[in-house]
Amino acid sequence: MPMIIEQHWLTGITHLPSPNHDERSDPDDISLLVIHCISLPPGQFGGDYISQLFCNRLNPEDDAYFASIYQLKVSAHLLIRRDGTCVQYVPFDRRAWHAGVSHYQGRERCNDFSIGIELEGCEQTPYTEAQYQQLAAVIKTLLAAYPRLTQQHITGHSDIAPGRKTDPGATFDWNYLRGLLA
């Protein structure tokens, strides 16, 4: 069954609205897709900690690492878990807070014009087939819905914040993703 976007939300997936978003300066300028990875605690998969972080409910007492991040106000538009299931936190027409200090092809503040997709994972662990399949399906849906978004403007967090970020990392297979999108 093809994915559908209604009022900037993907249908048929979990929606957990994050408070960490605001208005885009130009809501029609959705022209970049940024791929990230995240695992909480670092290197561990499963559980609800990523959603807790994006919804400002992360308990700093649950893990020593959380004490350093629980007060961050961050979000992404989507998370694709290891099994391929999706969670959407921010509607696509809103600015999620995923890129931080960033630049792409001469433009600063990538959050202004991008959609951020987190893959549950870490730079050292290969991503799953289910994640690649779901990511390709999501991207095809986004490309059909947002005319300024193109396959040529899909990049990694490391590419828009070099020296500061390394995700999605060397284990992310860009050629495989491009093949799935062809």
Protein backbone atom coordinates (compact mmCIF):
# COMPACT_ATOMS: atom_id res chain seq x y z
CA MET A 1 0.00 0.00 0.00
CA PRO A 2 1.55 3.33 -1.01
CA MET A 3 2.27 5.93 1.64
CA ILE A 4 0.11 9.04 1.67
CA ILE A 5 0.76 12.46 3.17
CA GLU A 6 -2.28 14.24 4.60
CA GLN A 7 -1.85 17.73 6.03
CA HIS A 8 1.93 17.14 6.08
CA TRP A 9 1.68 13.92 8.14
CA LEU A 10 2.34 10.44 6.76
CA THR A 11 -0.69 8.22 7.19
CA GLY A 12 -0.52 4.70 8.59
CA ILE A 13 2.38 5.35 10.97
CA THR A 14 2.72 6.43 14.60
CA HIS A 15 2.44 10.16 15.29
CA LEU A 16 4.07 11.51 18.46
CA PRO A 17 3.93 15.30 18.17
CA SER A 18 7.07 16.99 19.48
CA PRO A 19 6.94 20.52 20.88
CA ASN A 20 10.36 21.13 19.32
CA HIS A 21 9.45 22.81 16.06
CA ASP A 22 8.43 26.17 14.70
CA GLU A 23 7.34 27.89 11.50
CA ARG A 24 9.54 27.74 8.43
CA SER A 25 10.52 31.12 7.00
CA ASP A 26 9.16 29.88 3.65
CA PRO A 27 6.79 26.89 4.07
CA ASP A 28 6.98 26.15 0.34
CA ASP A 29 10.78 25.81 0.40
CA ILE A 30 11.18 22.18 1.33
CA SER A 31 14.20 21.42 -0.83
CA LEU A 32 16.61 19.23 1.15
CA LEU A 33 16.39 15.84 2.84
CA VAL A 34 18.89 15.17 5.64
CA ILE A 35 19.62 11.62 6.82
CA HIS A 36 20.74 11.21 10.43
CA CYS A 37 21.22 8.38 12.86
CA ILE A 38 20.51 8.15 16.56
CA SER A 39 20.60 5.54 19.29
CA LEU A 40 19.83 6.03 22.97
CA PRO A 41 21.70 5.13 25.02
CA PRO A 42 24.50 5.33 22.41
CA GLY A 43 24.93 2.02 20.60
CA GLN A 44 21.73 0.53 22.01
CA PHE A 45 18.59 -0.04 19.96
CA GLY A 46 14.93 -0.41 20.88
CA GLY A 47 12.99 1.21 23.64
CA ASP A 48 11.36 4.62 23.84
CA TYR A 49 14.29 6.89 24.66
CA ILE A 50 14.53 8.57 21.24
CA SER A 51 10.86 9.52 21.40
CA GLN A 52 11.33 10.70 24.96
CA LEU A 53 14.21 12.95 23.85
CA PHE A 54 12.24 14.44 20.94
CA CYS A 55 9.22 15.04 23.21
CA ASN A 56 11.20 16.54 26.13
CA ARG A 57 10.44 13.61 28.45
CA LEU A 58 13.89 11.98 28.76
CA ASN A 59 14.66 11.10 32.37
CA PRO A 60 18.29 11.91 33.20
CA GLU A 61 18.30 9.18 35.83
CA ASP A 62 17.60 6.37 33.34
CA ASP A 63 21.17 6.38 31.99
CA ALA A 64 24.33 8.32 32.89
CA TYR A 65 24.58 9.64 29.31
CA PHE A 66 21.12 11.19 29.51
CA ALA A 67 22.27 13.70 32.14
CA SER A 68 24.20 15.50 29.39
CA ILE A 69 21.38 15.59 26.82
CA TYR A 70 17.98 15.51 28.55
CA GLN A 71 17.58 19.31 28.44
CA LEU A 72 18.23 19.55 24.68
CA LYS A 73 15.33 20.80 22.58
CA VAL A 74 15.71 18.69 19.44
CA SER A 75 13.48 16.85 17.02
CA ALA A 76 13.33 15.29 13.61
CA HIS A 77 10.43 14.93 11.27
CA LEU A 78 10.69 11.13 11.22
CA LEU A 79 12.40 8.20 12.90
CA ILE A 80 12.79 4.88 11.12
CA ARG A 81 13.41 2.12 13.65
CA ARG A 82 15.56 -0.96 13.04
CA ASP A 83 12.48 -3.00 12.08
CA GLY A 84 11.38 -0.36 9.56
CA THR A 85 8.53 1.11 11.57
CA CYS A 86 8.15 4.89 11.39
CA VAL A 87 7.36 7.52 13.96
CA GLN A 88 6.61 11.10 12.88
CA TYR A 89 7.23 13.91 15.36
CA VAL A 90 6.85 17.08 13.29
CA PRO A 91 4.64 17.79 10.26
CA PHE A 92 6.71 18.35 7.13
CA ASP A 93 5.57 21.95 6.66
CA ARG A 94 7.07 22.89 10.05
CA ARG A 95 10.75 23.38 10.91
CA ALA A 96 12.06 20.50 13.01
CA TRP A 97 15.21 21.13 15.06
CA HIS A 98 17.52 18.43 13.67
CA ALA A 99 20.40 20.05 11.77
CA GLY A 100 21.82 22.63 14.17
CA VAL A 101 24.53 24.89 12.78
CA SER A 102 24.61 23.79 9.16
CA HIS A 103 25.07 24.78 5.55
CA TYR A 104 24.27 23.23 2.18
CA GLN A 105 25.37 24.55 -1.20
CA GLY A 106 25.88 28.07 0.11
CA ARG A 107 22.74 28.19 2.24
CA GLU A 108 22.92 28.40 6.04
CA ARG A 109 20.39 27.09 8.60
CA CYS A 110 19.36 23.87 6.89
CA ASN A 111 16.45 23.38 9.28
CA ASP A 112 14.73 26.22 7.40
CA PHE A 113 14.40 24.24 4.16
CA SER A 114 14.95 20.57 5.02
CA ILE A 115 13.20 17.47 6.24
CA GLY A 116 15.16 15.48 8.82
CA ILE A 117 14.93 11.70 8.95
CA GLU A 118 16.60 9.79 11.78
CA LEU A 119 17.54 6.16 11.34
CA GLU A 120 17.75 4.21 14.58
CA GLY A 121 21.39 3.22 14.51
CA CYS A 122 24.95 4.34 14.93
CA GLU A 123 27.78 5.07 12.55
CA GLN A 124 29.57 1.77 13.27
CA THR A 125 26.63 -0.61 12.79
CA PRO A 126 25.15 -1.42 9.37
CA TYR A 127 21.56 -0.33 8.86
CA THR A 128 18.88 -2.96 8.29
CA GLU A 129 17.20 -3.94 5.05
CA ALA A 130 13.88 -2.94 6.60
CA GLN A 131 15.25 0.57 7.21
CA TYR A 132 16.48 0.96 3.64
CA GLN A 133 13.17 -0.25 2.23
CA GLN A 134 11.15 2.07 4.46
CA LEU A 135 13.50 5.00 3.83
CA ALA A 136 13.16 4.55 0.07
CA ALA A 137 9.35 4.40 0.35
CA VAL A 138 9.30 7.54 2.50
CA ILE A 139 11.62 9.41 0.13
CA LYS A 140 9.52 8.50 -2.91
CA THR A 141 6.42 9.80 -1.11
CA LEU A 142 8.18 13.02 -0.12
CA LEU A 143 9.50 13.59 -3.65
CA ALA A 144 5.97 13.27 -5.01
CA ALA A 145 4.52 15.67 -2.43
CA TYR A 146 7.14 18.42 -2.31
CA PRO A 147 8.17 19.62 -5.79
CA ARG A 148 11.36 21.43 -4.72
CA LEU A 149 12.73 18.23 -3.16
CA THR A 150 14.80 16.14 -5.57
CA GLN A 151 17.00 13.04 -5.42
CA GLN A 152 20.00 15.31 -5.99
CA HIS A 153 19.28 17.08 -2.69
CA ILE A 154 19.46 14.15 -0.27
CA THR A 155 22.45 14.30 2.04
CA GLY A 156 23.83 13.21 5.38
CA HIS A 157 24.09 15.22 8.57
CA SER A 158 27.87 14.92 8.24
CA ASP A 159 27.73 16.75 4.90
CA ILE A 160 25.84 19.77 6.22
CA ALA A 161 27.75 19.99 9.52
CA PRO A 162 31.26 18.74 8.63
CA GLY A 163 33.66 18.46 11.54
CA ARG A 164 30.74 18.58 13.97
CA LYS A 165 28.64 15.58 12.91
CA THR A 166 29.51 12.16 11.45
CA ASP A 167 26.11 10.60 10.86
CA PRO A 168 24.76 8.57 9.19
CA GLY A 169 28.36 7.29 8.92
CA ALA A 170 30.40 5.05 6.68
CA THR A 171 28.06 2.09 7.20
CA PHE A 172 25.24 3.91 5.40
CA ASP A 173 25.06 2.58 1.84
CA TRP A 174 24.26 5.59 -0.35
CA ASN A 175 24.61 3.56 -3.56
CA TYR A 176 22.10 1.00 -2.32
CA LEU A 177 19.63 3.75 -1.41
CA ARG A 178 20.07 5.36 -4.86
CA GLY A 179 19.36 1.97 -6.44
CA LEU A 180 16.16 1.62 -4.45
CA LEU A 181 15.07 5.06 -5.59
CA ALA A 182 15.84 4.43 -9.29
